[in-house]
C-alpha atoms as a PDB file:
ATOM      1  CA  MET A   1     -36.385  13.285 -24.908  1.00  0.00           C
ATOM      2  CA  VAL A   2     -39.113  12.203 -22.497  1.00  0.00           C
ATOM      3  CA  VAL A   3     -41.555   9.805 -24.157  1.00  0.00           C
ATOM      4  CA  ARG A   4     -44.034   9.142 -21.344  1.00  0.00           C
ATOM      5  CA  THR A   5     -44.473   9.180 -17.577  1.00  0.00           C
ATOM      6  CA  VAL A   6     -44.231   5.760 -15.943  1.00  0.00           C
ATOM      7  CA  SER A   7     -44.989   6.590 -12.296  1.00  0.00           C
ATOM      8  CA  GLY A   8     -46.048   9.534 -10.185  1.00  0.00           C
ATOM      9  CA  ALA A   9     -43.906  11.639  -7.898  1.00  0.00           C
ATOM     10  CA  LEU A  10     -41.705   9.922  -5.379  1.00  0.00           C
ATOM     11  CA  HIS A  11     -40.933  12.144  -2.408  1.00  0.00           C
ATOM     12  CA  THR A  12     -37.787  11.271  -0.446  1.00  0.00           C
ATOM     13  CA  PRO A  13     -37.473  13.687   2.497  1.00  0.00           C
ATOM     14  CA  GLN A  14     -34.788  11.573   4.229  1.00  0.00           C
ATOM     15  CA  THR A  15     -32.283  11.929   1.386  1.00  0.00           C
ATOM     16  CA  GLY A  16     -32.772  15.643   0.830  1.00  0.00           C
ATOM     17  CA  ARG A  17     -33.307  15.121  -2.889  1.00  0.00           C
ATOM     18  CA  ARG A  18     -36.020  16.783  -4.888  1.00  0.00           C
ATOM     19  CA  PRO A  19     -39.182  14.795  -5.622  1.00  0.00           C
ATOM     20  CA  SER A  20     -38.840  12.800  -8.826  1.00  0.00           C
ATOM     21  CA  ALA A  21     -40.991  10.863 -11.256  1.00  0.00           C
ATOM     22  CA  LYS A  22     -40.092   7.832 -13.331  1.00  0.00           C
ATOM     23  CA  VAL A  23     -40.350   8.444 -17.081  1.00  0.00           C
ATOM     24  CA  THR A  24     -39.405   6.665 -20.267  1.00  0.00           C
ATOM     25  CA  VAL A  25     -36.806   8.492 -22.343  1.00  0.00           C
ATOM     26  CA  ARG A  26     -35.628   7.886 -25.904  1.00  0.00           C
ATOM     27  CA  TRP A  27     -32.401   8.853 -27.635  1.00  0.00           C
ATOM     28  CA  THR A  28     -30.451   7.816 -30.681  1.00  0.00           C
ATOM     29  CA  GLU A  29     -26.938   6.442 -30.581  1.00  0.00           C
ATOM     30  CA  PRO A  30     -24.876   6.626 -33.780  1.00  0.00           C
ATOM     31  CA  ALA A  31     -23.740   2.982 -33.588  1.00  0.00           C
ATOM     32  CA  THR A  32     -26.862   1.227 -32.300  1.00  0.00           C
ATOM     33  CA  GLY A  33     -29.765   3.478 -33.287  1.00  0.00           C
ATOM     34  CA  PRO A  34     -32.718   4.460 -31.089  1.00  0.00           C
ATOM     35  CA  ARG A  35     -32.747   3.353 -27.442  1.00  0.00           C
ATOM     36  CA  THR A  36     -35.207   3.773 -24.576  1.00  0.00           C
ATOM     37  CA  THR A  37     -35.002   3.349 -20.827  1.00  0.00           C
ATOM     38  CA  ALA A  38     -36.868   4.348 -17.675  1.00  0.00           C
ATOM     39  CA  VAL A  39     -35.173   7.003 -15.527  1.00  0.00           C
ATOM     40  CA  ARG A  40     -36.035   9.350 -12.689  1.00  0.00           C
ATOM     41  CA  VAL A  41     -36.366  13.040 -13.557  1.00  0.00           C
ATOM     42  CA  PRO A  42     -37.548  16.053 -11.542  1.00  0.00           C
ATOM     43  CA  THR A  43     -41.305  16.089 -10.934  1.00  0.00           C
ATOM     44  CA  GLY A  44     -43.124  18.138 -13.525  1.00  0.00           C
ATOM     45  CA  THR A  45     -41.054  17.018 -16.513  1.00  0.00           C
ATOM     46  CA  ARG A  46     -43.494  16.518 -19.396  1.00  0.00           C
ATOM     47  CA  PRO A  47     -43.422  14.269 -22.457  1.00  0.00           C
ATOM     48  CA  GLY A  48     -41.478  15.927 -25.261  1.00  0.00           C
ATOM     49  CA  GLU A  49     -39.050  17.753 -22.959  1.00  0.00           C
ATOM     50  CA  THR A  50     -35.318  17.154 -23.310  1.00  0.00           C
ATOM     51  CA  VAL A  51     -33.514  15.803 -20.240  1.00  0.00           C
ATOM     52  CA  HIS A  52     -29.922  14.800 -19.550  1.00  0.00           C
ATOM     53  CA  VAL A  53     -29.530  11.088 -18.824  1.00  0.00           C
ATOM     54  CA  TRP A  54     -26.386   9.515 -17.349  1.00  0.00           C
ATOM     55  CA  LEU A  55     -25.817   5.806 -17.972  1.00  0.00           C
ATOM     56  CA  ASP A  56     -23.178   3.376 -16.745  1.00  0.00           C
ATOM     57  CA  ALA A  57     -21.329   0.849 -18.928  1.00  0.00           C
ATOM     58  CA  ALA A  58     -24.203  -1.629 -18.611  1.00  0.00           C
ATOM     59  CA  GLY A  59     -26.749   0.964 -19.790  1.00  0.00           C
ATOM     60  CA  ARG A  60     -28.374   1.509 -16.379  1.00  0.00           C
ATOM     61  CA  SER A  61     -29.414   4.987 -15.279  1.00  0.00           C
ATOM     62  CA  VAL A  62     -27.048   6.544 -12.713  1.00  0.00           C
ATOM     63  CA  HIS A  63     -26.783   9.863 -10.904  1.00  0.00           C
ATOM     64  CA  PRO A  64     -24.908  12.600 -12.750  1.00  0.00           C
ATOM     65  CA  PRO A  65     -21.307  13.243 -11.733  1.00  0.00           C
ATOM     66  CA  PRO A  66     -20.761  15.857  -9.026  1.00  0.00           C
ATOM     67  CA  ASP A  67     -20.360  19.464 -10.103  1.00  0.00           C
ATOM     68  CA  ASP A  68     -17.319  21.637  -9.324  1.00  0.00           C
ATOM     69  CA  PHE A  69     -18.860  23.008  -6.119  1.00  0.00           C
ATOM     70  CA  ALA A  70     -19.498  19.507  -4.719  1.00  0.00           C
ATOM     71  CA  VAL A  71     -15.956  18.416  -5.558  1.00  0.00           C
ATOM     72  CA  ARG A  72     -14.456  21.494  -3.866  1.00  0.00           C
ATOM     73  CA  GLN A  73     -16.722  21.087  -0.857  1.00  0.00           C
ATOM     74  CA  HIS A  74     -15.669  17.445  -0.509  1.00  0.00           C
ATOM     75  CA  ALA A  75     -11.978  18.375  -0.834  1.00  0.00           C
ATOM     76  CA  VAL A  76     -12.272  21.093   1.820  1.00  0.00           C
ATOM     77  CA  THR A  77     -14.177  18.771   4.153  1.00  0.00           C
ATOM     78  CA  MET A  78     -11.584  16.015   3.789  1.00  0.00           C
ATOM     79  CA  GLY A  79      -8.779  18.543   4.314  1.00  0.00           C
ATOM     80  CA  VAL A  80     -10.375  19.834   7.512  1.00  0.00           C
ATOM     81  CA  CYS A  81     -10.917  16.277   8.766  1.00  0.00           C
ATOM     82  CA  ALA A  82      -7.318  15.292   7.960  1.00  0.00           C
ATOM     83  CA  THR A  83      -6.006  18.399   9.722  1.00  0.00           C
ATOM     84  CA  GLY A  84      -8.163  17.691  12.775  1.00  0.00           C
ATOM     85  CA  ALA A  85      -7.066  14.052  12.876  1.00  0.00           C
ATOM     86  CA  SER A  86      -3.407  15.057  12.579  1.00  0.00           C
ATOM     87  CA  ALA A  87      -3.786  17.564  15.391  1.00  0.00           C
ATOM     88  CA  ALA A  88      -5.527  14.945  17.546  1.00  0.00           C
ATOM     89  CA  VAL A  89      -2.676  12.468  16.974  1.00  0.00           C
ATOM     90  CA  VAL A  90      -0.092  15.103  17.947  1.00  0.00           C
ATOM     91  CA  VAL A  91      -2.011  16.105  21.091  1.00  0.00           C
ATOM     92  CA  LEU A  92      -2.602  12.474  22.095  1.00  0.00           C
ATOM     93  CA  GLY A  93       1.059  11.600  21.507  1.00  0.00           C
ATOM     94  CA  HIS A  94       2.161  14.605  23.542  1.00  0.00           C
ATOM     95  CA  GLY A  95      -0.125  13.548  26.389  1.00  0.00           C
ATOM     96  CA  LEU A  96       1.195   9.981  26.391  1.00  0.00           C
ATOM     97  CA  VAL A  97       4.840  11.081  26.356  1.00  0.00           C
ATOM     98  CA  ARG A  98       4.173  13.621  29.103  1.00  0.00           C
ATOM     99  CA  GLN A  99       2.428  11.001  31.252  1.00  0.00           C
ATOM    100  CA  ALA A 100       5.306   8.528  30.832  1.00  0.00           C
ATOM    101  CA  ALA A 101       7.860  11.242  31.668  1.00  0.00           C
ATOM    102  CA  MET A 102       5.873  12.295  34.739  1.00  0.00           C
ATOM    103  CA  ARG A 103       5.690   8.703  36.040  1.00  0.00           C
ATOM    104  CA  ARG A 104       9.420   8.285  35.568  1.00  0.00           C
ATOM    105  CA  ARG A 105      10.133  11.606  37.277  1.00  0.00           C
ATOM    106  CA  LEU A 106       7.896  10.729  40.252  1.00  0.00           C
ATOM    107  CA  ALA A 107       9.601   7.321  40.592  1.00  0.00           C
ATOM    108  CA  GLU A 108      13.011   9.069  40.653  1.00  0.00           C
ATOM    109  CA  TRP A 109      11.750  11.480  43.302  1.00  0.00           C
ATOM    110  CA  ASP A 110      10.429   8.574  45.411  1.00  0.00           C
ATOM    111  CA  ARG A 111      13.832   6.855  45.243  1.00  0.00           C
ATOM    112  CA  ALA A 112      15.651  10.091  46.094  1.00  0.00           C
ATOM    113  CA  TRP A 113      13.302  10.789  49.013  1.00  0.00           C
ATOM    114  CA  ALA A 114      13.687   7.233  50.289  1.00  0.00           C
ATOM    115  CA  ALA A 115      17.456   7.828  50.417  1.00  0.00           C
ATOM    116  CA  THR A 116      17.206  11.368  51.900  1.00  0.00           C
ATOM    117  CA  GLU A 117      14.232  11.053  54.252  1.00  0.00           C
ATOM    118  CA  PRO A 118      15.933   9.151  57.119  1.00  0.00           C
ATOM    119  CA  ALA A 119      18.697  11.767  57.414  1.00  0.00           C
ATOM    120  CA  TRP A 120      16.305  14.652  56.922  1.00  0.00           C
ATOM    121  CA  THR A 121      13.740  13.657  59.517  1.00  0.00           C
ATOM    122  CA  GLY A 122      16.050  11.893  61.932  1.00  0.00           C
ATOM    123  CA  ARG A 123      14.086   8.641  61.722  1.00  0.00           C
ATOM    124  CA  GLY A 124      15.967   5.421  61.274  1.00  0.00           C
ATOM    125  CA  VAL A 125      19.399   6.999  61.726  1.00  0.00           C
END
């Protein structure tokens, strides 16, 4: 439950997050009793309202875990990136092998022409 507002709205347009305000919240833990901490909540949250607070092992306020949509979106994005990277490796490998084969083929043709050219053109016979 929100006890009081600590600071005004903090607008962060670069992060794409909603404006937030720092408030003091209080809750009761069965083992340790009442606790309070300062956390950021959406602007407009008033004292007395109930909010969800996520804490780490040290008791610091952290962002909530991602929802199902964010997890799926991340999985799809990583899958698309992995597929693109795999395709790029295959295409690059194909290009390198083709270039090496072409150089070898041209060198063979140069040697064959060097052996055939004098008889073909009549020079150096």
